Amino acid sequence: MNIYILGCGDLGRRVALHYGELGQSVRGVVRSCSSAEQLRAIGVDALVSDLDRPPLPDLSLGGSSLFYFVPPPPSGSVDTRIGNLINTFTEEGAPRRLVYLSTTGVYGDCDGEWVDEQRQPRPVAQRALRRWDAEQSLRQWSRKSGCQLVVLRVAGFYGPGRLPLQRLREGLPLVCEDEAPFSNRIHIEDLVSVCVAAMTQGRSGEVYNVSDGHPTTMTDYFDRIADLAGLRRPPKISLEQAKGQLSPGMLSYLQESRRLRNQKMLDELGIELKFPDLASGLASCFPDV
């Protein structure tokens, strides 16, 4: 099985190393020579390709298993990077199977309700609109080509090196707990397991919510990290005050509330979470506490 990881950053490196431990070779595709050198330094074969600059070089993807971890462009409602990639696929050069990393943001604001994969997506934020555009483009490609597609709608992922410690050190405020929306998370080690399982066990054409199934609030998340890191908890402000003090990006997250059901992921992908909630997941990030 030829395995490619397009967008081989932190998550991609972890997936590549997983396959390496099994004796399987992986090619990581990145956009810069420096990133390629970092991959080669850990024993991962690397190719350089910039999806913003077509025509793209021949990646020899024909018949491969492809993980697509590339983030969308930073603006607009269309994912031009996915479009550029699909335009390079030919009958001989298309992957056999593609696992796409989407976001749970495509569901939009669900007013705190429990959400499964049957929920009709209603993206509002541009970052979510770009992901929804990519999902639809890939589905159209999959139907026309007969190639297999699995979509993972992933909650915010965290882990060692992926915690908001700098924001906590800066003492930036958060919305008080009783006004904070629900949010969902998955430990990056569990996300690696889900990605690998999706490639072999995910049903083509299906969508899987990826989270630990125990939503809390962003405020709770930051407070727990502060306690474990020995930092002061962030000052709390009202949602109305937040409109004048928090960044547009942070405000966009505060305007959406949903609780994700992950049963389909657990059942169909055969996942047993190593970190089934924040308590266990964050403890792994602070082993000396």
C-alpha atoms as a PDB file:
ATOM      1  CA  MET A   1       0.000   0.000   0.000  1.00  0.00           C
ATOM      2  CA  ASN A   2       1.480   3.353  -1.081  1.00  0.00           C
ATOM      3  CA  ILE A   3       0.696   5.868   1.664  1.00  0.00           C
ATOM      4  CA  TYR A   4       0.872   9.619   1.182  1.00  0.00           C
ATOM      5  CA  ILE A   5       0.225  12.337   3.750  1.00  0.00           C
ATOM      6  CA  LEU A   6      -0.554  15.667   2.152  1.00  0.00           C
ATOM      7  CA  GLY A   7       0.036  18.370   4.727  1.00  0.00           C
ATOM      8  CA  CYS A   8       2.516  16.526   6.917  1.00  0.00           C
ATOM      9  CA  GLY A   9       2.711  18.769   9.982  1.00  0.00           C
ATOM     10  CA  ASP A  10       2.452  17.669  13.618  1.00  0.00           C
ATOM     11  CA  LEU A  11      -0.460  15.278  13.039  1.00  0.00           C
ATOM     12  CA  GLY A  12       0.978  14.014   9.763  1.00  0.00           C
ATOM     13  CA  ARG A  13       4.359  13.278  11.340  1.00  0.00           C
ATOM     14  CA  ARG A  14       2.673  11.290  14.080  1.00  0.00           C
ATOM     15  CA  VAL A  15       0.676   9.269  11.546  1.00  0.00           C
ATOM     16  CA  ALA A  16       3.830   8.681   9.474  1.00  0.00           C
ATOM     17  CA  LEU A  17       5.761   7.485  12.520  1.00  0.00           C
ATOM     18  CA  HIS A  18       2.905   5.123  13.394  1.00  0.00           C
ATOM     19  CA  TYR A  19       3.196   3.451  10.003  1.00  0.00           C
ATOM     20  CA  GLY A  20       6.987   3.477  10.285  1.00  0.00           C
ATOM     21  CA  GLU A  21       6.758   1.478  13.496  1.00  0.00           C
ATOM     22  CA  LEU A  22       4.754  -1.098  11.523  1.00  0.00           C
ATOM     23  CA  GLY A  23       7.466  -1.265   8.886  1.00  0.00           C
ATOM     24  CA  GLN A  24       5.415   0.588   6.258  1.00  0.00           C
ATOM     25  CA  SER A  25       6.900   3.455   4.298  1.00  0.00           C
ATOM     26  CA  VAL A  26       5.105   6.779   3.975  1.00  0.00           C
ATOM     27  CA  ARG A  27       5.661   9.832   1.823  1.00  0.00           C
ATOM     28  CA  GLY A  28       4.918  13.197   3.386  1.00  0.00           C
ATOM     29  CA  VAL A  29       4.052  16.108   1.106  1.00  0.00           C
ATOM     30  CA  VAL A  30       4.851  19.579   2.437  1.00  0.00           C
ATOM     31  CA  ARG A  31       5.055  23.058   0.936  1.00  0.00           C
ATOM     32  CA  SER A  32       8.609  24.075   1.890  1.00  0.00           C
ATOM     33  CA  CYS A  33      12.103  22.617   1.660  1.00  0.00           C
ATOM     34  CA  SER A  34      12.692  23.266   5.369  1.00  0.00           C
ATOM     35  CA  SER A  35       9.623  21.190   6.288  1.00  0.00           C
ATOM     36  CA  ALA A  36      10.826  18.452   3.959  1.00  0.00           C
ATOM     37  CA  GLU A  37      14.188  18.373   5.715  1.00  0.00           C
ATOM     38  CA  GLN A  38      12.452  18.048   9.083  1.00  0.00           C
ATOM     39  CA  LEU A  39      10.568  15.020   7.802  1.00  0.00           C
ATOM     40  CA  ARG A  40      13.671  13.398   6.379  1.00  0.00           C
ATOM     41  CA  ALA A  41      15.413  13.946   9.723  1.00  0.00           C
ATOM     42  CA  ILE A  42      12.903  11.580  11.365  1.00  0.00           C
ATOM     43  CA  GLY A  43      13.127   9.045   8.560  1.00  0.00           C
ATOM     44  CA  VAL A  44      10.065  10.064   6.533  1.00  0.00           C
ATOM     45  CA  ASP A  45      10.389  10.383   2.770  1.00  0.00           C
ATOM     46  CA  ALA A  46       9.353  13.902   1.753  1.00  0.00           C
ATOM     47  CA  LEU A  47       8.137  15.706  -1.345  1.00  0.00           C
ATOM     48  CA  VAL A  48       7.615  19.438  -1.814  1.00  0.00           C
ATOM     49  CA  SER A  49       4.424  20.738  -3.431  1.00  0.00           C
ATOM     50  CA  ASP A  50       2.511  23.997  -2.943  1.00  0.00           C
ATOM     51  CA  LEU A  51      -1.218  23.617  -3.578  1.00  0.00           C
ATOM     52  CA  ASP A  52      -1.495  27.382  -4.003  1.00  0.00           C
ATOM     53  CA  ARG A  53       0.807  27.306  -7.021  1.00  0.00           C
ATOM     54  CA  PRO A  54      -0.502  25.121  -9.846  1.00  0.00           C
ATOM     55  CA  PRO A  55       0.393  23.372 -12.009  1.00  0.00           C
ATOM     56  CA  LEU A  56       1.467  20.892  -9.382  1.00  0.00           C
ATOM     57  CA  PRO A  57       4.337  18.457  -9.892  1.00  0.00           C
ATOM     58  CA  ASP A  58       3.483  14.814 -10.473  1.00  0.00           C
ATOM     59  CA  LEU A  59       3.096  13.266  -7.024  1.00  0.00           C
ATOM     60  CA  SER A  60       2.522   9.738  -8.410  1.00  0.00           C
ATOM     61  CA  LEU A  61      -0.616   9.294  -6.339  1.00  0.00           C
ATOM     62  CA  GLY A  62      -2.137   6.652  -8.598  1.00  0.00           C
ATOM     63  CA  GLY A  63      -3.674   3.835  -6.540  1.00  0.00           C
ATOM     64  CA  SER A  64      -2.352   5.265  -3.278  1.00  0.00           C
ATOM     65  CA  SER A  65      -3.885   5.724   0.143  1.00  0.00           C
ATOM     66  CA  LEU A  66      -3.930   9.488   0.727  1.00  0.00           C
ATOM     67  CA  PHE A  67      -4.395  11.404   3.967  1.00  0.00           C
ATOM     68  CA  TYR A  68      -5.320  15.025   3.298  1.00  0.00           C
ATOM     69  CA  PHE A  69      -4.370  17.199   6.285  1.00  0.00           C
ATOM     70  CA  VAL A  70      -3.797  20.495   4.456  1.00  0.00           C
ATOM     71  CA  PRO A  71      -5.665  23.449   5.999  1.00  0.00           C
ATOM     72  CA  PRO A  72      -7.830  25.524   3.667  1.00  0.00           C
ATOM     73  CA  PRO A  73      -6.645  28.933   2.436  1.00  0.00           C
ATOM     74  CA  PRO A  74      -6.790  31.666   5.103  1.00  0.00           C
ATOM     75  CA  SER A  75      -9.713  33.555   3.540  1.00  0.00           C
ATOM     76  CA  GLY A  76     -12.778  33.174   1.349  1.00  0.00           C
ATOM     77  CA  SER A  77     -15.511  30.526   1.327  1.00  0.00           C
ATOM     78  CA  VAL A  78     -13.905  28.199  -1.262  1.00  0.00           C
ATOM     79  CA  ASP A  79     -11.036  25.771  -0.711  1.00  0.00           C
ATOM     80  CA  THR A  80      -8.978  26.421  -3.822  1.00  0.00           C
ATOM     81  CA  ARG A  81      -6.274  24.030  -2.607  1.00  0.00           C
ATOM     82  CA  ILE A  82      -8.635  21.053  -2.846  1.00  0.00           C
ATOM     83  CA  GLY A  83      -9.719  22.251  -6.263  1.00  0.00           C
ATOM     84  CA  ASN A  84      -6.120  22.465  -7.469  1.00  0.00           C
ATOM     85  CA  LEU A  85      -5.422  18.953  -6.193  1.00  0.00           C
ATOM     86  CA  ILE A  86      -8.505  17.407  -7.807  1.00  0.00           C
ATOM     87  CA  ASN A  87      -7.540  19.028 -11.102  1.00  0.00           C
ATOM     88  CA  THR A  88      -4.291  17.041 -11.036  1.00  0.00           C
ATOM     89  CA  PHE A  89      -6.043  13.687 -10.658  1.00  0.00           C
ATOM     90  CA  THR A  90      -6.272  11.583 -13.777  1.00  0.00           C
ATOM     91  CA  GLU A  91      -7.525   8.043 -14.234  1.00  0.00           C
ATOM     92  CA  GLU A  92      -4.008   6.782 -13.623  1.00  0.00           C
ATOM     93  CA  GLY A  93      -2.981   9.427 -11.100  1.00  0.00           C
ATOM     94  CA  ALA A  94      -5.821   9.456  -8.578  1.00  0.00           C
ATOM     95  CA  PRO A  95      -5.563   7.903  -5.128  1.00  0.00           C
ATOM     96  CA  ARG A  96      -7.469   4.694  -4.474  1.00  0.00           C
ATOM     97  CA  ARG A  97      -8.711   6.012  -1.136  1.00  0.00           C
ATOM     98  CA  LEU A  98      -8.645   9.461   0.479  1.00  0.00           C
ATOM     99  CA  VAL A  99      -9.196  10.349   4.128  1.00  0.00           C
ATOM    100  CA  TYR A 100     -10.101  14.025   4.488  1.00  0.00           C
ATOM    101  CA  LEU A 101      -9.672  15.933   7.751  1.00  0.00           C
ATOM    102  CA  SER A 102     -12.662  18.275   8.026  1.00  0.00           C
ATOM    103  CA  THR A 103     -14.038  20.173  11.008  1.00  0.00           C
ATOM    104  CA  THR A 104     -17.090  19.914  13.229  1.00  0.00           C
ATOM    105  CA  GLY A 105     -17.518  23.621  12.513  1.00  0.00           C
ATOM    106  CA  VAL A 106     -19.494  22.652   9.396  1.00  0.00           C
ATOM    107  CA  TYR A 107     -22.479  22.005  11.687  1.00  0.00           C
ATOM    108  CA  GLY A 108     -22.572  25.669  12.719  1.00  0.00           C
ATOM    109  CA  ASP A 109     -24.308  26.734  15.911  1.00  0.00           C
ATOM    110  CA  CYS A 110     -26.489  23.943  17.305  1.00  0.00           C
ATOM    111  CA  ASP A 111     -27.532  25.764  20.481  1.00  0.00           C
ATOM    112  CA  GLY A 112     -25.806  23.214  22.689  1.00  0.00           C
ATOM    113  CA  GLU A 113     -27.708  20.237  21.282  1.00  0.00           C
ATOM    114  CA  TRP A 114     -26.177  16.786  20.861  1.00  0.00           C
ATOM    115  CA  VAL A 115     -25.057  16.339  17.243  1.00  0.00           C
ATOM    116  CA  ASP A 116     -24.475  13.168  15.252  1.00  0.00           C
ATOM    117  CA  GLU A 117     -23.527  12.665  11.616  1.00  0.00           C
ATOM    118  CA  GLN A 118     -27.155  12.907  10.474  1.00  0.00           C
ATOM    119  CA  ARG A 119     -27.251  16.586  11.385  1.00  0.00           C
ATOM    120  CA  GLN A 120     -27.539  18.825   8.336  1.00  0.00           C
ATOM    121  CA  PRO A 121     -24.411  21.005   8.089  1.00  0.00           C
ATOM    122  CA  ARG A 122     -25.082  24.739   8.354  1.00  0.00           C
ATOM    123  CA  PRO A 123     -21.658  26.392   8.335  1.00  0.00           C
ATOM    124  CA  VAL A 124     -21.518  30.120   9.034  1.00  0.00           C
ATOM    125  CA  ALA A 125     -17.898  31.009   9.815  1.00  0.00           C
ATOM    126  CA  GLN A 126     -15.727  31.335   6.719  1.00  0.00           C
ATOM    127  CA  ARG A 127     -13.264  28.755   8.056  1.00  0.00           C
ATOM    128  CA  ALA A 128     -16.153  26.266   8.199  1.00  0.00           C
ATOM    129  CA  LEU A 129     -17.509  27.290   4.794  1.00  0.00           C
ATOM    130  CA  ARG A 130     -14.124  26.465   3.248  1.00  0.00           C
ATOM    131  CA  ARG A 131     -14.175  23.010   4.828  1.00  0.00           C
ATOM    132  CA  TRP A 132     -17.732  22.407   3.655  1.00  0.00           C
ATOM    133  CA  ASP A 133     -16.743  23.447   0.141  1.00  0.00           C
ATOM    134  CA  ALA A 134     -13.866  20.937   0.259  1.00  0.00           C
ATOM    135  CA  GLU A 135     -16.156  18.146   1.468  1.00  0.00           C
ATOM    136  CA  GLN A 136     -18.581  18.740  -1.381  1.00  0.00           C
ATOM    137  CA  SER A 137     -15.832  18.978  -4.014  1.00  0.00           C
ATOM    138  CA  LEU A 138     -14.324  15.709  -2.818  1.00  0.00           C
ATOM    139  CA  ARG A 139     -17.697  13.950  -2.782  1.00  0.00           C
ATOM    140  CA  GLN A 140     -18.325  15.027  -6.354  1.00  0.00           C
ATOM    141  CA  TRP A 141     -14.870  13.765  -7.363  1.00  0.00           C
ATOM    142  CA  SER A 142     -15.431  10.464  -5.536  1.00  0.00           C
ATOM    143  CA  ARG A 143     -18.790   9.869  -7.243  1.00  0.00           C
ATOM    144  CA  LYS A 144     -17.389  10.587 -10.690  1.00  0.00           C
ATOM    145  CA  SER A 145     -14.146   8.654 -10.293  1.00  0.00           C
ATOM    146  CA  GLY A 146     -15.299   5.729  -8.144  1.00  0.00           C
ATOM    147  CA  CYS A 147     -12.389   6.395  -5.775  1.00  0.00           C
ATOM    148  CA  GLN A 148     -13.089   5.940  -2.078  1.00  0.00           C
ATOM    149  CA  LEU A 149     -13.556   8.879   0.311  1.00  0.00           C
ATOM    150  CA  VAL A 150     -13.851   9.017   4.105  1.00  0.00           C
ATOM    151  CA  VAL A 151     -14.535  12.331   5.854  1.00  0.00           C
ATOM    152  CA  LEU A 152     -13.500  12.946   9.456  1.00  0.00           C
ATOM    153  CA  ARG A 153     -15.191  15.911  11.115  1.00  0.00           C
ATOM    154  CA  VAL A 154     -12.690  16.585  13.860  1.00  0.00           C
ATOM    155  CA  ALA A 155     -13.145  18.536  17.067  1.00  0.00           C
ATOM    156  CA  GLY A 156     -10.334  20.702  18.427  1.00  0.00           C
ATOM    157  CA  PHE A 157      -7.334  18.507  19.115  1.00  0.00           C
ATOM    158  CA  TYR A 158      -4.836  18.991  21.899  1.00  0.00           C
ATOM    159  CA  GLY A 159      -1.809  17.298  23.400  1.00  0.00           C
ATOM    160  CA  PRO A 160       1.787  17.954  24.433  1.00  0.00           C
ATOM    161  CA  GLY A 161       2.991  21.051  22.612  1.00  0.00           C
ATOM    162  CA  ARG A 162      -0.572  21.897  21.542  1.00  0.00           C
ATOM    163  CA  LEU A 163      -1.871  23.732  24.616  1.00  0.00           C
ATOM    164  CA  PRO A 164      -2.720  27.468  24.944  1.00  0.00           C
ATOM    165  CA  LEU A 165      -0.023  28.139  27.525  1.00  0.00           C
ATOM    166  CA  GLN A 166       1.107  31.441  26.005  1.00  0.00           C
ATOM    167  CA  ARG A 167      -2.405  32.823  26.097  1.00  0.00           C
ATOM    168  CA  LEU A 168      -2.664  31.866  29.742  1.00  0.00           C
ATOM    169  CA  ARG A 169       0.667  33.535  30.522  1.00  0.00           C
ATOM    170  CA  GLU A 170      -0.594  36.717  28.881  1.00  0.00           C
ATOM    171  CA  GLY A 171      -3.604  36.721  31.191  1.00  0.00           C
ATOM    172  CA  LEU A 172      -6.144  37.233  28.424  1.00  0.00           C
ATOM    173  CA  PRO A 173      -9.771  36.988  29.576  1.00  0.00           C
ATOM    174  CA  LEU A 174     -12.362  34.332  28.843  1.00  0.00           C
ATOM    175  CA  VAL A 175     -16.132  34.298  28.998  1.00  0.00           C
ATOM    176  CA  CYS A 176     -17.523  33.270  32.379  1.00  0.00           C
ATOM    177  CA  GLU A 177     -18.470  29.624  32.668  1.00  0.00           C
ATOM    178  CA  ASP A 178     -22.245  30.097  32.742  1.00  0.00           C
ATOM    179  CA  GLU A 179     -22.190  31.967  29.417  1.00  0.00           C
ATOM    180  CA  ALA A 180     -19.568  29.848  27.660  1.00  0.00           C
ATOM    181  CA  PRO A 181     -20.759  27.580  24.824  1.00  0.00           C
ATOM    182  CA  PHE A 182     -20.104  23.854  24.702  1.00  0.00           C
ATOM    183  CA  SER A 183     -17.005  22.781  22.797  1.00  0.00           C
ATOM    184  CA  ASN A 184     -15.507  19.398  21.934  1.00  0.00           C
ATOM    185  CA  ARG A 185     -11.994  17.955  21.876  1.00  0.00           C
ATOM    186  CA  ILE A 186      -9.869  14.922  21.040  1.00  0.00           C
ATOM    187  CA  HIS A 187      -6.351  14.075  22.213  1.00  0.00           C
ATOM    188  CA  ILE A 188      -3.914  14.026  19.306  1.00  0.00           C
ATOM    189  CA  GLU A 189      -2.812  10.458  20.099  1.00  0.00           C
ATOM    190  CA  ASP A 190      -6.410   9.291  19.779  1.00  0.00           C
ATOM    191  CA  LEU A 191      -6.787  11.328  16.595  1.00  0.00           C
ATOM    192  CA  VAL A 192      -3.852   9.439  15.078  1.00  0.00           C
ATOM    193  CA  SER A 193      -5.599   6.147  15.880  1.00  0.00           C
ATOM    194  CA  VAL A 194      -8.822   7.393  14.295  1.00  0.00           C
ATOM    195  CA  CYS A 195      -7.041   8.503  11.111  1.00  0.00           C
ATOM    196  CA  VAL A 196      -5.317   5.145  10.710  1.00  0.00           C
ATOM    197  CA  ALA A 197      -8.547   3.241  11.389  1.00  0.00           C
ATOM    198  CA  ALA A 198     -10.460   5.418   8.927  1.00  0.00           C
ATOM    199  CA  MET A 199      -8.031   4.479   6.172  1.00  0.00           C
ATOM    200  CA  THR A 200      -8.616   0.767   6.607  1.00  0.00           C
ATOM    201  CA  GLN A 201     -12.069   0.472   8.186  1.00  0.00           C
ATOM    202  CA  GLY A 202     -14.004   3.616   7.323  1.00  0.00           C
ATOM    203  CA  ARG A 203     -16.871   3.065   4.891  1.00  0.00           C
ATOM    204  CA  SER A 204     -16.452   4.965   1.657  1.00  0.00           C
ATOM    205  CA  GLY A 205     -18.757   7.959   1.440  1.00  0.00           C
ATOM    206  CA  GLU A 206     -19.266   8.086   5.194  1.00  0.00           C
ATOM    207  CA  VAL A 207     -18.677  10.909   7.674  1.00  0.00           C
ATOM    208  CA  TYR A 208     -17.397  10.338  11.215  1.00  0.00           C
ATOM    209  CA  ASN A 209     -17.497  12.790  14.098  1.00  0.00           C
ATOM    210  CA  VAL A 210     -14.167  12.681  15.907  1.00  0.00           C
ATOM    211  CA  SER A 211     -14.193  13.713  19.562  1.00  0.00           C
ATOM    212  CA  ASP A 212     -13.806  12.134  22.984  1.00  0.00           C
ATOM    213  CA  GLY A 213     -17.582  12.327  23.496  1.00  0.00           C
ATOM    214  CA  HIS A 214     -17.295  14.411  26.685  1.00  0.00           C
ATOM    215  CA  PRO A 215     -17.823  18.068  25.750  1.00  0.00           C
ATOM    216  CA  THR A 216     -17.084  20.824  28.218  1.00  0.00           C
ATOM    217  CA  THR A 217     -16.635  24.566  27.684  1.00  0.00           C
ATOM    218  CA  MET A 218     -13.636  26.513  26.461  1.00  0.00           C
ATOM    219  CA  THR A 219     -13.522  28.187  29.878  1.00  0.00           C
ATOM    220  CA  ASP A 220     -13.330  24.843  31.655  1.00  0.00           C
ATOM    221  CA  TYR A 221     -10.586  23.747  29.239  1.00  0.00           C
ATOM    222  CA  PHE A 222      -8.419  26.804  29.929  1.00  0.00           C
ATOM    223  CA  ASP A 223      -8.995  26.646  33.690  1.00  0.00           C
ATOM    224  CA  ARG A 224      -7.921  22.992  33.846  1.00  0.00           C
ATOM    225  CA  ILE A 225      -4.749  23.715  31.881  1.00  0.00           C
ATOM    226  CA  ALA A 226      -3.937  26.703  34.085  1.00  0.00           C
ATOM    227  CA  ASP A 227      -4.293  24.592  37.223  1.00  0.00           C
ATOM    228  CA  LEU A 228      -2.042  21.828  35.884  1.00  0.00           C
ATOM    229  CA  ALA A 229       0.562  24.285  34.578  1.00  0.00           C
ATOM    230  CA  GLY A 230       0.675  26.256  37.807  1.00  0.00           C
ATOM    231  CA  LEU A 231      -0.609  29.393  36.104  1.00  0.00           C
ATOM    232  CA  ARG A 232      -3.342  31.812  37.137  1.00  0.00           C
ATOM    233  CA  ARG A 233      -6.764  31.074  35.751  1.00  0.00           C
ATOM    234  CA  PRO A 234      -7.845  33.604  33.117  1.00  0.00           C
ATOM    235  CA  PRO A 235      -9.957  36.540  34.277  1.00  0.00           C
ATOM    236  CA  LYS A 236     -13.621  36.089  33.438  1.00  0.00           C
ATOM    237  CA  ILE A 237     -15.820  38.536  31.558  1.00  0.00           C
ATOM    238  CA  SER A 238     -19.382  38.492  30.282  1.00  0.00           C
ATOM    239  CA  LEU A 239     -20.254  37.569  26.730  1.00  0.00           C
ATOM    240  CA  GLU A 240     -21.236  41.181  26.118  1.00  0.00           C
ATOM    241  CA  GLN A 241     -17.871  42.421  27.384  1.00  0.00           C
ATOM    242  CA  ALA A 242     -16.118  39.838  25.215  1.00  0.00           C
ATOM    243  CA  LYS A 243     -17.392  41.540  22.064  1.00  0.00           C
ATOM    244  CA  GLY A 244     -15.051  44.444  22.741  1.00  0.00           C
ATOM    245  CA  GLN A 245     -12.094  42.562  24.218  1.00  0.00           C
ATOM    246  CA  LEU A 246     -11.589  39.257  22.389  1.00  0.00           C
ATOM    247  CA  SER A 247     -10.247  38.665  18.893  1.00  0.00           C
ATOM    248  CA  PRO A 248     -12.670  38.066  15.999  1.00  0.00           C
ATOM    249  CA  GLY A 249     -11.369  34.507  15.753  1.00  0.00           C
ATOM    250  CA  MET A 250     -12.092  33.754  19.403  1.00  0.00           C
ATOM    251  CA  LEU A 251     -15.493  35.429  19.178  1.00  0.00           C
ATOM    252  CA  SER A 252     -16.451  33.243  16.220  1.00  0.00           C
ATOM    253  CA  TYR A 253     -15.889  30.136  18.356  1.00  0.00           C
ATOM    254  CA  LEU A 254     -17.985  31.599  21.156  1.00  0.00           C
ATOM    255  CA  GLN A 255     -20.938  32.041  18.792  1.00  0.00           C
ATOM    256  CA  GLU A 256     -21.318  28.284  18.256  1.00  0.00           C
ATOM    257  CA  SER A 257     -22.326  25.639  20.780  1.00  0.00           C
ATOM    258  CA  ARG A 258     -22.724  21.909  20.162  1.00  0.00           C
ATOM    259  CA  ARG A 259     -22.083  18.574  21.840  1.00  0.00           C
ATOM    260  CA  LEU A 260     -20.768  15.851  19.554  1.00  0.00           C
ATOM    261  CA  ARG A 261     -21.834  12.245  19.580  1.00  0.00           C
ATOM    262  CA  ASN A 262     -18.927   9.931  18.696  1.00  0.00           C
ATOM    263  CA  GLN A 263     -20.648   6.533  18.804  1.00  0.00           C
ATOM    264  CA  LYS A 264     -20.358   5.959  15.066  1.00  0.00           C
ATOM    265  CA  MET A 265     -16.605   6.531  15.263  1.00  0.00           C
ATOM    266  CA  LEU A 266     -16.269   4.132  18.190  1.00  0.00           C
ATOM    267  CA  ASP A 267     -18.427   1.409  16.656  1.00  0.00           C
ATOM    268  CA  GLU A 268     -17.500   1.450  12.976  1.00  0.00           C
ATOM    269  CA  LEU A 269     -13.819   2.304  13.319  1.00  0.00           C
ATOM    270  CA  GLY A 270     -13.289   0.037  16.325  1.00  0.00           C
ATOM    271  CA  ILE A 271     -11.778   2.829  18.406  1.00  0.00           C
ATOM    272  CA  GLU A 272     -10.999   2.481  22.093  1.00  0.00           C
ATOM    273  CA  LEU A 273      -9.954   5.922  23.254  1.00  0.00           C
ATOM    274  CA  LYS A 274      -6.773   6.140  25.252  1.00  0.00           C
ATOM    275  CA  PHE A 275      -7.888   9.515  26.622  1.00  0.00           C
ATOM    276  CA  PRO A 276     -11.712   9.472  26.826  1.00  0.00           C
ATOM    277  CA  ASP A 277     -12.020  12.832  28.585  1.00  0.00           C
ATOM    278  CA  LEU A 278     -10.099  16.016  29.394  1.00  0.00           C
ATOM    279  CA  ALA A 279      -9.075  14.810  32.842  1.00  0.00           C
ATOM    280  CA  SER A 280      -7.100  11.873  31.449  1.00  0.00           C
ATOM    281  CA  GLY A 281      -5.947  13.696  28.324  1.00  0.00           C
ATOM    282  CA  LEU A 282      -4.571  16.759  30.063  1.00  0.00           C
ATOM    283  CA  ALA A 283      -2.935  14.629  32.761  1.00  0.00           C
ATOM    284  CA  SER A 284      -0.853  13.031  29.993  1.00  0.00           C
ATOM    285  CA  CYS A 285       0.416  16.482  29.010  1.00  0.00           C
ATOM    286  CA  PHE A 286       1.697  17.164  32.539  1.00  0.00           C
ATOM    287  CA  PRO A 287       3.268  13.845  33.619  1.00  0.00           C
ATOM    288  CA  ASP A 288       5.178  15.442  36.488  1.00  0.00           C
ATOM    289  CA  VAL A 289       2.114  16.992  38.165  1.00  0.00           C
END
